[in-house]
Amino acid sequence: MAAKKRKKKAAGKRHGHRFWKVTAWVVGGFFLFTILLTLAYRWINPPITPLMVGRSLSGEPRVKTWVPITEISPSLVQAAVASEDNRFCGHRGFDFSAIQRAIDHNRTHSRKWGASTISQQTAKNVFLWSGRSWIRKGFEVYFTFLIEHLWGKERIMEVYLNVIEMGHGIYGAEAASQHYFHCSAKKLNARQSALLTACYPNPRRWNPAHPTPYIRSSAARIQNMMPKMGRIRFDKESLQKARERYLEAEGRRIAKNDGKRLKFK
């Protein structure tokens, strides 16, 4: 009887060791694959995204023309920052002030605010599926960390403006510019850029070429903010200055919140 129990215990240990070994290989393989894929996308343009795959499976055509950021109007870059992520050049993927504002707002309002940065949106668009869940959000944080450290701001913006959905089967700045305004992304003016950006929250519902009163109002607000952003530059000196401004503002916020980085209650 004792021998049988020892054999059973030994077998249980072997199964346990095998389980943890397989788990370690799976986890290690995941990290290795995702890091190498993200690093490759620093130079290789992502050919397709999970959202594009899902849309294609439903029979929707896909129009996408990749252009380097030098072939995209500075006005569109400026509009994206003005509308989506005012402090894009200064943060490291997460804007904690925006997160705090969203927490404060959502505590007392039924219509919720988001606080996703352009970096987070890019990570989600390139690597992840649509939907809302804590699991997906966790992966989003992970991939945001990777692209911030492996790509840099200019590459993040370039990928963002080339993969974002801008209509039914329309992806990226070039395809959207040609479809809605019959010009290249490089030729977009400030008003056209603001209209395109105003439609980002729901590009399958709104048309920048035929804007609703709501979109016209949003575009006007974005266009008014654009000069305050200044021309978005990605050279080392400009990014360093943006980082310093961000850290200074964060320091003031933390001091105001009694030293707490985020105030949830």
Protein backbone atom coordinates (compact mmCIF):
# COMPACT_ATOMS: atom_id res chain seq x y z
CA MET A 1 0.00 0.00 0.00
CA ALA A 2 2.81 2.40 0.96
CA ALA A 3 4.66 1.60 -2.27
CA LYS A 4 1.53 2.29 -4.30
CA LYS A 5 1.11 5.69 -2.60
CA ARG A 6 4.74 6.58 -3.30
CA LYS A 7 4.33 5.68 -6.97
CA LYS A 8 1.17 7.77 -7.19
CA LYS A 9 2.90 10.71 -5.54
CA ALA A 10 5.90 10.41 -7.87
CA ALA A 11 3.58 10.27 -10.90
CA GLY A 12 1.80 13.39 -9.64
CA LYS A 13 5.12 15.20 -9.31
CA ARG A 14 6.11 14.23 -12.86
CA HIS A 15 2.80 15.52 -14.23
CA GLY A 16 3.22 18.72 -12.24
CA HIS A 17 6.74 19.25 -13.54
CA ARG A 18 5.58 18.58 -17.11
CA PHE A 19 2.72 21.07 -16.74
CA TRP A 20 5.01 23.84 -15.49
CA LYS A 21 7.59 23.06 -18.14
CA VAL A 22 5.00 23.31 -20.92
CA THR A 23 3.62 26.51 -19.36
CA ALA A 24 7.11 28.03 -19.23
CA TRP A 25 7.69 27.15 -22.90
CA VAL A 26 4.33 28.66 -23.93
CA VAL A 27 4.87 31.86 -21.96
CA GLY A 28 8.47 32.18 -23.12
CA GLY A 29 7.44 31.52 -26.71
CA PHE A 30 4.73 34.18 -26.50
CA PHE A 31 7.14 36.82 -25.22
CA LEU A 32 9.81 35.91 -27.76
CA PHE A 33 7.38 35.91 -30.68
CA THR A 34 5.67 39.18 -29.76
CA ILE A 35 8.94 40.99 -29.09
CA LEU A 36 10.44 39.83 -32.40
CA LEU A 37 7.23 40.67 -34.30
CA THR A 38 7.06 44.13 -32.77
CA LEU A 39 10.73 44.71 -33.51
CA ALA A 40 10.22 43.60 -37.12
CA TYR A 41 7.34 46.07 -37.50
CA ARG A 42 9.75 48.85 -36.70
CA TRP A 43 10.97 48.50 -40.30
CA ILE A 44 8.36 46.26 -41.98
CA ASN A 45 4.92 47.77 -42.53
CA PRO A 46 2.19 45.62 -40.97
CA PRO A 47 0.50 43.95 -43.97
CA ILE A 48 -2.82 43.38 -42.21
CA THR A 49 -4.46 43.81 -38.82
CA PRO A 50 -6.94 41.66 -36.87
CA LEU A 51 -9.71 44.17 -37.64
CA MET A 52 -8.99 43.96 -41.37
CA VAL A 53 -9.12 40.17 -41.17
CA GLY A 54 -12.48 40.28 -39.41
CA ARG A 55 -13.94 42.74 -41.91
CA SER A 56 -12.62 40.71 -44.86
CA LEU A 57 -14.19 37.52 -43.50
CA SER A 58 -17.56 39.26 -43.60
CA GLY A 59 -17.02 39.99 -47.31
CA GLU A 60 -16.00 43.64 -47.01
CA PRO A 61 -13.38 44.84 -49.52
CA ARG A 62 -10.18 46.39 -48.24
CA VAL A 63 -8.66 49.60 -49.61
CA LYS A 64 -5.29 50.42 -48.10
CA THR A 65 -2.26 52.25 -49.49
CA TRP A 66 0.74 52.61 -47.21
CA VAL A 67 2.62 55.89 -47.35
CA PRO A 68 5.59 57.03 -45.22
CA ILE A 69 4.94 59.79 -42.73
CA THR A 70 6.84 62.20 -44.98
CA GLU A 71 4.03 61.72 -47.52
CA ILE A 72 1.30 62.59 -44.99
CA SER A 73 0.26 66.19 -44.46
CA PRO A 74 1.66 67.71 -41.25
CA SER A 75 -1.88 69.05 -40.76
CA LEU A 76 -3.22 65.51 -40.34
CA VAL A 77 -0.52 64.67 -37.79
CA GLN A 78 -1.35 67.90 -35.99
CA ALA A 79 -5.08 67.18 -36.07
CA ALA A 80 -4.58 63.65 -34.72
CA VAL A 81 -2.59 64.96 -31.77
CA ALA A 82 -5.04 67.83 -31.14
CA SER A 83 -8.02 65.48 -31.18
CA GLU A 84 -6.77 62.20 -29.79
CA ASP A 85 -3.71 62.74 -27.61
CA ASN A 86 -2.53 66.27 -26.78
CA ARG A 87 0.59 65.04 -25.00
CA PHE A 88 1.56 62.27 -27.40
CA CYS A 89 5.16 63.43 -27.78
CA GLY A 90 5.73 63.70 -24.02
CA HIS A 91 4.30 60.58 -22.42
CA ARG A 92 5.64 57.02 -22.56
CA GLY A 93 2.47 55.45 -23.88
CA PHE A 94 0.07 56.36 -21.06
CA ASP A 95 -1.22 59.81 -20.18
CA PHE A 96 -1.89 59.63 -16.45
CA SER A 97 -3.57 63.04 -16.32
CA ALA A 98 -6.05 61.90 -18.98
CA ILE A 99 -6.63 58.69 -17.02
CA GLN A 100 -7.33 60.74 -13.88
CA ARG A 101 -9.77 63.00 -15.73
CA ALA A 102 -11.57 59.96 -17.13
CA ILE A 103 -11.81 58.41 -13.65
CA ASP A 104 -13.21 61.62 -12.19
CA HIS A 105 -15.69 62.07 -15.04
CA ASN A 106 -16.87 58.46 -15.20
CA ARG A 107 -17.56 58.40 -11.49
CA THR A 108 -20.44 60.86 -11.92
CA HIS A 109 -21.52 60.54 -15.56
CA SER A 110 -23.30 57.78 -17.45
CA ARG A 111 -21.56 58.66 -20.72
CA LYS A 112 -18.05 57.38 -20.15
CA TRP A 113 -14.79 58.93 -21.26
CA GLY A 114 -11.84 56.95 -22.52
CA ALA A 115 -8.20 57.83 -21.95
CA SER A 116 -6.43 55.80 -24.63
CA THR A 117 -3.40 57.47 -26.15
CA ILE A 118 -2.40 57.25 -29.80
CA SER A 119 0.19 54.69 -28.71
CA GLN A 120 -2.48 52.53 -27.07
CA GLN A 121 -4.76 52.82 -30.08
CA THR A 122 -1.91 51.81 -32.39
CA ALA A 123 -1.08 48.79 -30.25
CA LYS A 124 -4.73 47.74 -30.28
CA ASN A 125 -5.16 48.31 -34.02
CA VAL A 126 -2.04 46.41 -35.07
CA PHE A 127 -1.97 43.48 -32.66
CA LEU A 128 -5.35 42.97 -30.99
CA TRP A 129 -8.99 42.22 -31.53
CA SER A 130 -11.91 44.61 -31.08
CA GLY A 131 -14.01 44.62 -27.95
CA ARG A 132 -13.78 45.58 -24.32
CA SER A 133 -12.37 43.26 -21.70
CA TRP A 134 -9.71 43.37 -19.03
CA ILE A 135 -7.77 40.65 -20.86
CA ARG A 136 -7.61 42.69 -24.06
CA LYS A 137 -6.73 45.79 -22.06
CA GLY A 138 -3.89 43.91 -20.40
CA PHE A 139 -2.47 42.89 -23.77
CA GLU A 140 -2.91 46.49 -24.94
CA VAL A 141 -0.75 47.74 -22.06
CA TYR A 142 1.90 45.14 -22.92
CA PHE A 143 2.03 45.99 -26.63
CA THR A 144 1.95 49.73 -25.90
CA PHE A 145 5.04 49.28 -23.73
CA LEU A 146 6.75 47.37 -26.55
CA ILE A 147 6.07 49.85 -29.34
CA GLU A 148 7.03 52.83 -27.19
CA HIS A 149 10.43 51.26 -26.52
CA LEU A 150 11.04 49.52 -29.85
CA TRP A 151 9.51 51.93 -32.37
CA GLY A 152 9.62 55.49 -31.10
CA LYS A 153 7.08 58.27 -31.60
CA GLU A 154 7.50 58.93 -35.30
CA ARG A 155 7.05 55.26 -36.23
CA ILE A 156 4.02 54.96 -33.93
CA MET A 157 2.38 57.93 -35.61
CA GLU A 158 3.24 56.59 -39.08
CA VAL A 159 1.71 53.19 -38.34
CA TYR A 160 -1.30 54.75 -36.63
CA LEU A 161 -2.15 56.92 -39.64
CA ASN A 162 -1.70 53.99 -42.03
CA VAL A 163 -3.79 51.31 -40.31
CA ILE A 164 -6.63 53.24 -38.67
CA GLU A 165 -10.09 52.46 -40.04
CA MET A 166 -11.56 55.47 -41.84
CA GLY A 167 -14.71 54.06 -43.39
CA HIS A 168 -16.21 50.86 -44.78
CA GLY A 169 -13.18 48.98 -46.08
CA ILE A 170 -11.01 52.11 -46.00
CA TYR A 171 -7.80 52.05 -43.97
CA GLY A 172 -5.17 54.70 -43.55
CA ALA A 173 -4.68 58.32 -44.45
CA GLU A 174 -3.90 57.84 -48.13
CA ALA A 175 -6.93 55.68 -48.93
CA ALA A 176 -9.20 58.03 -46.95
CA SER A 177 -7.82 61.16 -48.62
CA GLN A 178 -8.30 59.70 -52.09
CA HIS A 179 -11.78 58.40 -51.28
CA TYR A 180 -13.24 61.44 -49.54
CA PHE A 181 -11.30 64.41 -50.93
CA HIS A 182 -9.77 63.07 -54.18
CA CYS A 183 -6.27 64.10 -53.22
CA SER A 184 -3.21 62.49 -51.69
CA ALA A 185 -2.65 62.45 -47.93
CA LYS A 186 0.23 64.86 -48.47
CA LYS A 187 -2.15 67.47 -49.93
CA LEU A 188 -4.70 67.51 -47.10
CA ASN A 189 -5.34 70.96 -45.71
CA ALA A 190 -6.16 71.83 -42.10
CA ARG A 191 -9.94 71.68 -42.57
CA GLN A 192 -9.87 68.32 -44.36
CA SER A 193 -7.52 66.92 -41.72
CA ALA A 194 -9.82 68.08 -38.93
CA LEU A 195 -12.85 66.54 -40.65
CA LEU A 196 -11.11 63.19 -41.06
CA THR A 197 -10.00 63.20 -37.45
CA ALA A 198 -13.43 64.20 -36.19
CA CYS A 199 -14.78 60.96 -37.68
CA TYR A 200 -12.26 58.68 -35.93
CA PRO A 201 -14.60 57.64 -33.09
CA ASN A 202 -17.08 56.11 -35.54
CA PRO A 203 -15.70 56.16 -39.10
CA ARG A 204 -18.29 53.67 -40.38
CA ARG A 205 -21.11 56.00 -39.39
CA TRP A 206 -19.73 59.43 -40.30
CA ASN A 207 -18.48 60.74 -43.64
CA PRO A 208 -15.95 63.60 -43.59
CA ALA A 209 -16.90 64.61 -47.13
CA HIS A 210 -20.53 65.02 -46.07
CA PRO A 211 -20.27 66.00 -42.41
CA THR A 212 -23.20 66.19 -40.06
CA PRO A 213 -23.60 69.31 -37.89
CA TYR A 214 -21.97 67.35 -35.06
CA ILE A 215 -18.93 66.48 -37.18
CA ARG A 216 -18.63 70.06 -38.45
CA SER A 217 -18.66 71.27 -34.87
CA SER A 218 -16.08 68.70 -33.78
CA ALA A 219 -13.87 69.52 -36.76
CA ALA A 220 -14.06 73.24 -35.96
CA ARG A 221 -12.99 72.53 -32.38
CA ILE A 222 -10.08 70.38 -33.57
CA GLN A 223 -9.02 72.98 -36.13
CA ASN A 224 -9.03 75.68 -33.47
CA MET A 225 -6.78 73.52 -31.28
CA MET A 226 -4.30 72.65 -34.01
CA PRO A 227 -2.29 75.94 -33.92
CA LYS A 228 -1.85 75.48 -30.16
CA MET A 229 -0.16 72.14 -30.80
CA GLY A 230 2.36 73.74 -33.13
CA ARG A 231 3.97 71.66 -35.85
CA ILE A 232 4.57 68.15 -34.50
CA ARG A 233 8.25 67.33 -34.71
CA PHE A 234 9.95 64.03 -33.94
CA ASP A 235 13.61 65.04 -33.72
CA LYS A 236 15.43 64.21 -30.49
CA GLU A 237 15.48 67.79 -29.17
CA SER A 238 11.76 68.38 -29.73
CA LEU A 239 10.81 65.07 -28.11
CA GLN A 240 13.04 65.81 -25.11
CA LYS A 241 11.38 69.20 -24.60
CA ALA A 242 7.93 67.59 -24.87
CA ARG A 243 8.98 64.99 -22.32
CA GLU A 244 10.17 67.67 -19.90
CA ARG A 245 6.88 69.57 -20.24
CA TYR A 246 4.95 66.38 -19.60
CA LEU A 247 6.95 65.50 -16.49
CA GLU A 248 6.58 69.02 -15.15
CA ALA A 249 2.81 68.89 -15.60
CA GLU A 250 2.66 65.44 -14.02
CA GLY A 251 4.63 66.72 -11.05
CA ARG A 252 2.08 69.48 -10.50
CA ARG A 253 -0.79 67.00 -10.77
CA ILE A 254 0.77 64.58 -8.30
CA ALA A 255 1.43 67.41 -5.84
CA LYS A 256 -2.19 68.53 -6.16
CA ASN A 257 -3.38 64.97 -5.49
CA ASP A 258 -1.37 64.76 -2.26
CA GLY A 259 1.43 62.76 -3.83
CA LYS A 260 -0.81 60.07 -5.29
CA ARG A 261 -0.08 59.10 -8.87
CA LEU A 262 -3.70 58.23 -9.53
CA LYS A 263 -6.63 59.07 -7.31
CA PHE A 264 -9.35 56.46 -7.75
CA LYS A 265 -11.61 57.41 -4.83
